[in-house]
Amino acid sequence: MLYRIAAIVLMGLLAVGAAQPVRTAERDIYPAPEQAPADLAAALKVAAAQHRRVILDFGGNWCPDCHVLDSYLHDAANQPILDSSFVVVRINIGERDRNLDLAKRYKIPLNKGVPALAVLDRHGKLLYSQKSGEFEAMRHMQSSSVTEWLLRWKPRQPISD
């Protein structure tokens, strides 16, 4: 009887734990959702002044693949490309219920998963948006996939997009 009670309690705890969002890192990489419009405006100013492109990174702090993408973006191979060619704006989608207007504006299908990326030119024109969740399984990808993507979308010449 005691064994059955212990099993029922354990199953209940597992069910409650499974319903909770997974946190994979101690630090939050996405700012508060309401900060997105101001961050985007500031990034566009920097991008225009420095002839860089803007990467919009839609995700949430609960997303393990978002944390993997963050680590890949900032590894030794990708950090120099990022610093010289892009300004990154992290857009917090909450529990898939925030900044939906920005996702729609930049043609990000959040139902395909996150992280989801878009690239804007230095004037704010949309150049690329993920259509089919290309990075939503980032933890199964290599940093080199991010390197290839960054090289594909970086500006070709420092003055023009």
N, C-alpha and C. Protein backbone atom coordinates (compact mmCIF):
# COMPACT_ATOMS: atom_id res chain seq x y z
N MET A 1 0.82 -1.20 0.00
CA MET A 1 0.00 0.00 0.00
C MET A 1 0.86 1.26 0.00
N LEU A 2 1.91 1.25 0.83
CA LEU A 2 2.82 2.39 0.89
C LEU A 2 3.51 2.62 -0.45
N TYR A 3 3.84 1.53 -1.13
CA TYR A 3 4.46 1.62 -2.44
C TYR A 3 3.52 2.30 -3.44
N ARG A 4 2.25 1.96 -3.41
CA ARG A 4 1.27 2.56 -4.33
C ARG A 4 1.11 4.05 -4.06
N ILE A 5 1.08 4.44 -2.80
CA ILE A 5 0.95 5.86 -2.45
C ILE A 5 2.17 6.63 -2.93
N ALA A 6 3.36 6.06 -2.71
CA ALA A 6 4.59 6.71 -3.16
C ALA A 6 4.59 6.87 -4.68
N ALA A 7 4.14 5.84 -5.39
CA ALA A 7 4.09 5.90 -6.86
C ALA A 7 3.12 6.97 -7.33
N ILE A 8 1.97 7.08 -6.68
CA ILE A 8 0.97 8.09 -7.06
C ILE A 8 1.52 9.49 -6.79
N VAL A 9 2.17 9.69 -5.66
CA VAL A 9 2.77 11.00 -5.34
C VAL A 9 3.84 11.34 -6.36
N LEU A 10 4.71 10.38 -6.69
CA LEU A 10 5.76 10.63 -7.67
C LEU A 10 5.17 10.98 -9.03
N MET A 11 4.14 10.28 -9.46
CA MET A 11 3.50 10.58 -10.74
C MET A 11 2.89 11.98 -10.72
N GLY A 12 2.30 12.34 -9.60
CA GLY A 12 1.73 13.68 -9.49
C GLY A 12 2.79 14.76 -9.57
N LEU A 13 3.92 14.55 -8.92
CA LEU A 13 5.01 15.52 -8.99
C LEU A 13 5.57 15.63 -10.39
N LEU A 14 5.70 14.51 -11.08
CA LEU A 14 6.18 14.54 -12.46
C LEU A 14 5.21 15.29 -13.36
N ALA A 15 3.93 15.10 -13.16
CA ALA A 15 2.92 15.80 -13.98
C ALA A 15 2.98 17.30 -13.75
N VAL A 16 3.14 17.72 -12.50
CA VAL A 16 3.24 19.15 -12.20
C VAL A 16 4.52 19.72 -12.81
N GLY A 17 5.63 18.99 -12.68
CA GLY A 17 6.90 19.45 -13.24
C GLY A 17 6.86 19.56 -14.75
N ALA A 18 6.18 18.63 -15.41
CA ALA A 18 6.09 18.66 -16.87
C ALA A 18 5.29 19.86 -17.36
N ALA A 19 4.39 20.37 -16.55
CA ALA A 19 3.56 21.50 -16.95
C ALA A 19 4.29 22.83 -16.80
N GLN A 20 5.42 22.83 -16.13
CA GLN A 20 6.16 24.07 -15.89
C GLN A 20 7.10 24.36 -17.05
N PRO A 21 7.32 25.62 -17.40
CA PRO A 21 8.27 25.95 -18.45
C PRO A 21 9.67 25.51 -18.05
N VAL A 22 10.44 25.04 -19.03
CA VAL A 22 11.80 24.60 -18.77
C VAL A 22 12.72 25.82 -18.75
N ARG A 23 13.51 25.93 -17.72
CA ARG A 23 14.52 26.98 -17.62
C ARG A 23 15.87 26.30 -17.76
N THR A 24 16.64 26.69 -18.75
CA THR A 24 17.90 26.01 -19.01
C THR A 24 19.11 26.80 -18.57
N ALA A 25 18.95 28.01 -18.21
CA ALA A 25 20.10 28.81 -17.82
C ALA A 25 19.69 29.72 -16.67
N GLU A 26 20.68 30.14 -15.94
CA GLU A 26 20.40 31.02 -14.81
C GLU A 26 20.10 32.44 -15.24
N ARG A 27 20.62 32.85 -16.36
CA ARG A 27 20.41 34.24 -16.78
C ARG A 27 19.32 34.35 -17.84
N ASP A 28 18.65 35.46 -17.79
CA ASP A 28 17.65 35.76 -18.81
C ASP A 28 18.33 36.46 -19.97
N ILE A 29 18.11 35.97 -21.16
CA ILE A 29 18.70 36.61 -22.34
C ILE A 29 17.72 37.55 -23.04
N TYR A 30 16.44 37.37 -22.76
CA TYR A 30 15.43 38.24 -23.37
C TYR A 30 14.96 39.24 -22.33
N PRO A 31 14.95 40.52 -22.69
CA PRO A 31 14.45 41.54 -21.75
C PRO A 31 12.93 41.45 -21.61
N ALA A 32 12.40 42.25 -20.73
CA ALA A 32 10.94 42.28 -20.53
C ALA A 32 10.26 42.52 -21.88
N PRO A 33 9.13 41.86 -22.13
CA PRO A 33 8.44 41.98 -23.43
C PRO A 33 8.14 43.42 -23.83
N GLU A 34 7.78 44.26 -22.87
CA GLU A 34 7.40 45.64 -23.21
C GLU A 34 8.59 46.49 -23.67
N GLN A 35 9.80 45.98 -23.53
CA GLN A 35 10.99 46.72 -23.93
C GLN A 35 11.28 46.61 -25.43
N ALA A 36 10.65 45.68 -26.12
CA ALA A 36 10.95 45.40 -27.52
C ALA A 36 10.86 46.62 -28.45
N PRO A 37 9.79 47.42 -28.41
CA PRO A 37 9.73 48.55 -29.35
C PRO A 37 10.88 49.55 -29.16
N ALA A 38 11.23 49.85 -27.93
CA ALA A 38 12.33 50.79 -27.67
C ALA A 38 13.67 50.18 -28.11
N ASP A 39 13.86 48.89 -27.85
CA ASP A 39 15.10 48.23 -28.26
C ASP A 39 15.23 48.21 -29.78
N LEU A 40 14.14 47.97 -30.46
CA LEU A 40 14.15 47.96 -31.93
C LEU A 40 14.48 49.34 -32.47
N ALA A 41 13.87 50.38 -31.93
CA ALA A 41 14.15 51.75 -32.39
C ALA A 41 15.62 52.11 -32.17
N ALA A 42 16.16 51.75 -31.02
CA ALA A 42 17.57 52.04 -30.72
C ALA A 42 18.49 51.27 -31.66
N ALA A 43 18.17 50.01 -31.94
CA ALA A 43 18.99 49.20 -32.83
C ALA A 43 19.00 49.75 -34.24
N LEU A 44 17.85 50.24 -34.71
CA LEU A 44 17.80 50.81 -36.06
C LEU A 44 18.66 52.07 -36.17
N LYS A 45 18.73 52.86 -35.11
CA LYS A 45 19.60 54.04 -35.11
C LYS A 45 21.06 53.63 -35.20
N VAL A 46 21.45 52.65 -34.41
CA VAL A 46 22.83 52.16 -34.43
C VAL A 46 23.15 51.55 -35.80
N ALA A 47 22.24 50.73 -36.32
CA ALA A 47 22.47 50.08 -37.61
C ALA A 47 22.64 51.11 -38.73
N ALA A 48 21.83 52.16 -38.73
CA ALA A 48 21.94 53.19 -39.76
C ALA A 48 23.28 53.93 -39.65
N ALA A 49 23.67 54.25 -38.44
CA ALA A 49 24.91 54.99 -38.23
C ALA A 49 26.15 54.15 -38.53
N GLN A 50 26.08 52.86 -38.28
CA GLN A 50 27.25 52.00 -38.42
C GLN A 50 27.18 51.06 -39.63
N HIS A 51 26.18 51.25 -40.48
CA HIS A 51 26.03 50.45 -41.70
C HIS A 51 26.00 48.95 -41.40
N ARG A 52 25.17 48.61 -40.43
CA ARG A 52 25.01 47.21 -40.04
C ARG A 52 23.56 46.79 -40.26
N ARG A 53 23.32 45.52 -40.21
CA ARG A 53 21.96 44.99 -40.30
C ARG A 53 21.46 44.67 -38.90
N VAL A 54 20.16 44.48 -38.80
CA VAL A 54 19.53 44.17 -37.52
C VAL A 54 19.00 42.75 -37.56
N ILE A 55 19.35 41.98 -36.53
CA ILE A 55 18.78 40.65 -36.35
C ILE A 55 17.73 40.75 -35.27
N LEU A 56 16.51 40.35 -35.60
CA LEU A 56 15.45 40.25 -34.61
C LEU A 56 15.39 38.80 -34.16
N ASP A 57 15.60 38.58 -32.89
CA ASP A 57 15.62 37.24 -32.32
C ASP A 57 14.38 37.09 -31.44
N PHE A 58 13.37 36.41 -31.96
CA PHE A 58 12.13 36.18 -31.23
C PHE A 58 12.27 34.90 -30.41
N GLY A 59 11.99 35.01 -29.11
CA GLY A 59 12.07 33.82 -28.26
C GLY A 59 11.65 34.14 -26.84
N GLY A 60 12.00 33.25 -25.95
CA GLY A 60 11.66 33.42 -24.54
C GLY A 60 12.73 32.81 -23.65
N ASN A 61 12.83 33.31 -22.45
CA ASN A 61 13.83 32.81 -21.52
C ASN A 61 13.58 31.36 -21.12
N TRP A 62 12.40 30.86 -21.33
CA TRP A 62 12.01 29.48 -21.03
C TRP A 62 12.47 28.50 -22.11
N CYS A 63 12.96 29.01 -23.23
CA CYS A 63 13.24 28.21 -24.42
C CYS A 63 14.69 27.70 -24.44
N PRO A 64 14.90 26.39 -24.32
CA PRO A 64 16.27 25.86 -24.32
C PRO A 64 17.01 26.15 -25.62
N ASP A 65 16.31 26.06 -26.76
CA ASP A 65 16.97 26.31 -28.04
C ASP A 65 17.39 27.77 -28.19
N CYS A 66 16.66 28.68 -27.56
CA CYS A 66 17.03 30.10 -27.57
C CYS A 66 18.35 30.32 -26.84
N HIS A 67 18.55 29.61 -25.76
CA HIS A 67 19.80 29.71 -25.02
C HIS A 67 20.97 29.12 -25.80
N VAL A 68 20.71 28.05 -26.54
CA VAL A 68 21.75 27.46 -27.39
C VAL A 68 22.12 28.44 -28.49
N LEU A 69 21.12 29.04 -29.14
CA LEU A 69 21.39 30.04 -30.17
C LEU A 69 22.23 31.18 -29.60
N ASP A 70 21.88 31.65 -28.43
CA ASP A 70 22.64 32.73 -27.80
C ASP A 70 24.10 32.33 -27.61
N SER A 71 24.33 31.13 -27.15
CA SER A 71 25.73 30.70 -26.95
C SER A 71 26.46 30.58 -28.28
N TYR A 72 25.78 30.10 -29.32
CA TYR A 72 26.41 30.01 -30.64
C TYR A 72 26.69 31.38 -31.24
N LEU A 73 25.78 32.31 -31.07
CA LEU A 73 26.01 33.67 -31.60
C LEU A 73 27.23 34.31 -30.98
N HIS A 74 27.50 33.97 -29.73
CA HIS A 74 28.60 34.62 -29.02
C HIS A 74 29.83 33.75 -28.87
N ASP A 75 29.93 32.67 -29.65
CA ASP A 75 31.15 31.87 -29.56
C ASP A 75 32.26 32.51 -30.38
N ALA A 76 33.46 31.95 -30.31
CA ALA A 76 34.64 32.57 -30.93
C ALA A 76 34.52 32.75 -32.44
N ALA A 77 33.81 31.84 -33.11
CA ALA A 77 33.67 31.95 -34.57
C ALA A 77 32.67 33.02 -34.97
N ASN A 78 31.61 33.18 -34.20
CA ASN A 78 30.51 34.05 -34.63
C ASN A 78 30.52 35.44 -34.03
N GLN A 79 31.08 35.62 -32.88
CA GLN A 79 31.08 36.93 -32.23
C GLN A 79 31.67 38.03 -33.12
N PRO A 80 32.83 37.78 -33.79
CA PRO A 80 33.37 38.85 -34.66
C PRO A 80 32.44 39.21 -35.82
N ILE A 81 31.78 38.23 -36.40
CA ILE A 81 30.84 38.50 -37.50
C ILE A 81 29.67 39.31 -36.97
N LEU A 82 29.17 38.90 -35.84
CA LEU A 82 28.04 39.59 -35.21
C LEU A 82 28.41 41.05 -34.92
N ASP A 83 29.56 41.25 -34.28
CA ASP A 83 29.98 42.60 -33.89
C ASP A 83 30.22 43.53 -35.08
N SER A 84 30.72 42.99 -36.17
CA SER A 84 31.05 43.86 -37.31
C SER A 84 29.88 44.12 -38.25
N SER A 85 28.88 43.26 -38.22
CA SER A 85 27.85 43.33 -39.25
C SER A 85 26.41 43.48 -38.76
N PHE A 86 26.16 43.23 -37.47
CA PHE A 86 24.78 43.18 -37.01
C PHE A 86 24.58 43.89 -35.67
N VAL A 87 23.34 44.26 -35.45
CA VAL A 87 22.84 44.68 -34.15
C VAL A 87 21.73 43.70 -33.82
N VAL A 88 21.80 43.08 -32.66
CA VAL A 88 20.80 42.07 -32.29
C VAL A 88 19.76 42.69 -31.36
N VAL A 89 18.51 42.41 -31.68
CA VAL A 89 17.39 42.80 -30.82
C VAL A 89 16.69 41.52 -30.39
N ARG A 90 16.68 41.29 -29.11
CA ARG A 90 16.00 40.13 -28.56
C ARG A 90 14.55 40.54 -28.23
N ILE A 91 13.61 39.83 -28.82
CA ILE A 91 12.20 40.15 -28.63
C ILE A 91 11.54 39.01 -27.85
N ASN A 92 11.16 39.34 -26.63
CA ASN A 92 10.57 38.37 -25.72
C ASN A 92 9.11 38.16 -26.09
N ILE A 93 8.76 36.92 -26.39
CA ILE A 93 7.39 36.62 -26.78
C ILE A 93 6.56 36.12 -25.59
N GLY A 94 7.10 36.26 -24.39
CA GLY A 94 6.39 35.80 -23.20
C GLY A 94 6.12 34.32 -23.31
N GLU A 95 4.91 33.92 -23.04
CA GLU A 95 4.50 32.52 -23.19
C GLU A 95 3.77 32.37 -24.53
N ARG A 96 4.38 32.94 -25.56
CA ARG A 96 3.80 33.00 -26.91
C ARG A 96 2.56 33.88 -26.96
N ASP A 97 2.56 34.89 -26.07
CA ASP A 97 1.41 35.79 -26.01
C ASP A 97 1.81 37.26 -26.00
N ARG A 98 3.07 37.55 -26.23
CA ARG A 98 3.54 38.94 -26.21
C ARG A 98 4.27 39.26 -27.51
N ASN A 99 4.26 40.53 -27.88
CA ASN A 99 4.92 41.03 -29.09
C ASN A 99 4.47 40.30 -30.35
N LEU A 100 3.23 39.88 -30.34
CA LEU A 100 2.68 39.22 -31.51
C LEU A 100 2.56 40.17 -32.69
N ASP A 101 2.37 41.47 -32.40
CA ASP A 101 2.31 42.46 -33.46
C ASP A 101 3.64 42.57 -34.19
N LEU A 102 4.75 42.51 -33.45
CA LEU A 102 6.07 42.56 -34.08
C LEU A 102 6.33 41.29 -34.89
N ALA A 103 5.94 40.16 -34.35
CA ALA A 103 6.10 38.90 -35.09
C ALA A 103 5.32 38.97 -36.40
N LYS A 104 4.12 39.48 -36.34
CA LYS A 104 3.31 39.59 -37.56
C LYS A 104 3.93 40.58 -38.55
N ARG A 105 4.37 41.73 -38.02
CA ARG A 105 4.97 42.75 -38.89
C ARG A 105 6.19 42.21 -39.64
N TYR A 106 6.98 41.37 -38.97
CA TYR A 106 8.21 40.86 -39.56
C TYR A 106 8.06 39.42 -40.07
N LYS A 107 6.81 38.99 -40.22
CA LYS A 107 6.46 37.73 -40.87
C LYS A 107 7.10 36.51 -40.20
N ILE A 108 7.07 36.52 -38.87
CA ILE A 108 7.60 35.40 -38.10
C ILE A 108 6.43 34.51 -37.67
N PRO A 109 6.38 33.28 -38.15
CA PRO A 109 5.31 32.36 -37.75
C PRO A 109 5.68 31.68 -36.42
N LEU A 110 5.28 32.28 -35.31
CA LEU A 110 5.66 31.76 -33.99
C LEU A 110 5.14 30.35 -33.75
N ASN A 111 4.10 29.95 -34.46
CA ASN A 111 3.59 28.59 -34.31
C ASN A 111 4.56 27.54 -34.84
N LYS A 112 5.58 27.96 -35.58
CA LYS A 112 6.61 27.05 -36.08
C LYS A 112 7.72 26.84 -35.08
N GLY A 113 7.72 27.60 -33.99
CA GLY A 113 8.72 27.44 -32.94
C GLY A 113 9.69 28.60 -32.85
N VAL A 114 10.41 28.63 -31.74
CA VAL A 114 11.43 29.63 -31.49
C VAL A 114 12.70 28.91 -31.03
N PRO A 115 13.86 29.53 -31.24
CA PRO A 115 14.03 30.90 -31.69
C PRO A 115 13.66 31.06 -33.16
N ALA A 116 13.22 32.25 -33.48
CA ALA A 116 12.87 32.60 -34.85
C ALA A 116 13.54 33.93 -35.15
N LEU A 117 14.18 34.01 -36.30
CA LEU A 117 14.97 35.19 -36.64
C LEU A 117 14.45 35.92 -37.86
N ALA A 118 14.67 37.22 -37.85
CA ALA A 118 14.42 38.06 -39.02
C ALA A 118 15.63 38.96 -39.18
N VAL A 119 15.88 39.40 -40.40
CA VAL A 119 16.99 40.32 -40.68
C VAL A 119 16.42 41.55 -41.36
N LEU A 120 16.81 42.70 -40.85
CA LEU A 120 16.42 43.98 -41.43
C LEU A 120 17.65 44.67 -41.97
N ASP A 121 17.48 45.44 -43.04
CA ASP A 121 18.61 46.26 -43.48
C ASP A 121 18.75 47.44 -42.54
N ARG A 122 19.73 48.27 -42.77
CA ARG A 122 20.01 49.37 -41.83
C ARG A 122 18.92 50.42 -41.80
N HIS A 123 17.98 50.35 -42.75
CA HIS A 123 16.85 51.28 -42.78
C HIS A 123 15.58 50.67 -42.20
N GLY A 124 15.65 49.41 -41.78
CA GLY A 124 14.50 48.75 -41.20
C GLY A 124 13.68 47.93 -42.16
N LYS A 125 14.13 47.80 -43.40
CA LYS A 125 13.41 47.00 -44.40
C LYS A 125 13.67 45.52 -44.13
N LEU A 126 12.61 44.72 -44.14
CA LEU A 126 12.72 43.29 -43.92
C LEU A 126 13.43 42.63 -45.11
N LEU A 127 14.52 41.93 -44.82
CA LEU A 127 15.26 41.20 -45.85
C LEU A 127 14.99 39.70 -45.78
N TYR A 128 14.74 39.21 -44.57
CA TYR A 128 14.59 37.78 -44.36
C TYR A 128 13.78 37.54 -43.10
N SER A 129 12.93 36.53 -43.14
CA SER A 129 12.29 36.04 -41.93
C SER A 129 12.14 34.53 -42.05
N GLN A 130 12.34 33.86 -40.95
CA GLN A 130 12.21 32.41 -40.94
C GLN A 130 10.77 32.04 -41.21
N LYS A 131 10.58 31.08 -42.04
CA LYS A 131 9.22 30.65 -42.40
C LYS A 131 8.86 29.29 -41.82
N SER A 132 9.86 28.47 -41.57
CA SER A 132 9.53 27.09 -41.17
C SER A 132 10.31 26.61 -39.95
N GLY A 133 10.62 27.51 -39.02
CA GLY A 133 11.26 27.09 -37.78
C GLY A 133 12.66 26.54 -37.96
N GLU A 134 13.43 27.16 -38.84
CA GLU A 134 14.76 26.66 -39.15
C GLU A 134 15.66 26.46 -37.93
N PHE A 135 15.51 27.33 -36.93
CA PHE A 135 16.38 27.24 -35.75
C PHE A 135 15.67 26.71 -34.52
N GLU A 136 14.43 26.26 -34.64
CA GLU A 136 13.70 25.85 -33.45
C GLU A 136 14.27 24.60 -32.81
N ALA A 137 15.10 23.85 -33.50
CA ALA A 137 15.78 22.69 -32.92
C ALA A 137 17.28 22.97 -32.80
N MET A 138 17.61 24.17 -32.37
CA MET A 138 18.99 24.63 -32.31
C MET A 138 19.88 23.70 -31.48
N ARG A 139 19.35 23.09 -30.45
CA ARG A 139 20.19 22.23 -29.60
C ARG A 139 20.68 21.01 -30.35
N HIS A 140 20.10 20.72 -31.51
CA HIS A 140 20.55 19.59 -32.33
C HIS A 140 21.42 20.05 -33.49
N MET A 141 21.73 21.33 -33.53
CA MET A 141 22.53 21.91 -34.62
C MET A 141 23.92 22.25 -34.10
N GLN A 142 24.77 22.64 -35.01
CA GLN A 142 26.13 23.03 -34.68
C GLN A 142 26.29 24.55 -34.83
N SER A 143 27.28 25.08 -34.16
CA SER A 143 27.58 26.50 -34.27
C SER A 143 27.85 26.91 -35.72
N SER A 144 28.41 26.00 -36.50
CA SER A 144 28.72 26.30 -37.90
C SER A 144 27.47 26.64 -38.71
N SER A 145 26.31 26.12 -38.31
CA SER A 145 25.06 26.48 -38.99
C SER A 145 24.76 27.96 -38.79
N VAL A 146 25.03 28.46 -37.60
CA VAL A 146 24.83 29.88 -37.31
C VAL A 146 25.86 30.71 -38.09
N THR A 147 27.10 30.22 -38.15
CA THR A 147 28.15 30.93 -38.91
C THR A 147 27.72 31.09 -40.36
N GLU A 148 27.27 30.00 -40.98
CA GLU A 148 26.83 30.06 -42.38
C GLU A 148 25.69 31.05 -42.56
N TRP A 149 24.75 31.04 -41.63
CA TRP A 149 23.60 31.94 -41.71
C TRP A 149 24.05 33.40 -41.57
N LEU A 150 24.93 33.68 -40.62
CA LEU A 150 25.43 35.05 -40.44
C LEU A 150 26.17 35.53 -41.69
N LEU A 151 27.00 34.68 -42.25
CA LEU A 151 27.76 35.06 -43.45
C LEU A 151 26.82 35.31 -44.63
N ARG A 152 25.75 34.55 -44.70
CA ARG A 152 24.78 34.75 -45.78
C ARG A 152 24.08 36.09 -45.67
N TRP A 153 23.78 36.55 -44.45
CA TRP A 153 22.96 37.73 -44.27
C TRP A 153 23.73 38.99 -43.89
N LYS A 154 25.03 38.90 -43.72
CA LYS A 154 25.77 40.12 -43.39
C LYS A 154 25.82 41.02 -44.62
N PRO A 155 25.94 42.32 -44.42
CA PRO A 155 26.02 43.23 -45.57
C PRO A 155 27.24 42.91 -46.42
N ARG A 156 27.08 43.00 -47.72
CA ARG A 156 28.18 42.69 -48.65
C ARG A 156 29.24 43.78 -48.67
N GLN A 157 28.79 45.02 -48.57
CA GLN A 157 29.70 46.16 -48.57
C GLN A 157 29.37 47.00 -47.35
N PRO A 158 30.37 47.64 -46.77
CA PRO A 158 30.11 48.40 -45.56
C PRO A 158 29.15 49.57 -45.72
N ILE A 159 28.98 50.09 -46.93
CA ILE A 159 28.16 51.30 -47.08
C ILE A 159 26.74 51.00 -47.52
N SER A 160 26.51 49.92 -48.23
CA SER A 160 25.15 49.67 -48.73
C SER A 160 24.63 48.34 -48.21
N ASP A 161 23.35 48.18 -48.29
CA ASP A 161 22.71 46.92 -47.91
C ASP A 161 22.46 46.18 -49.17
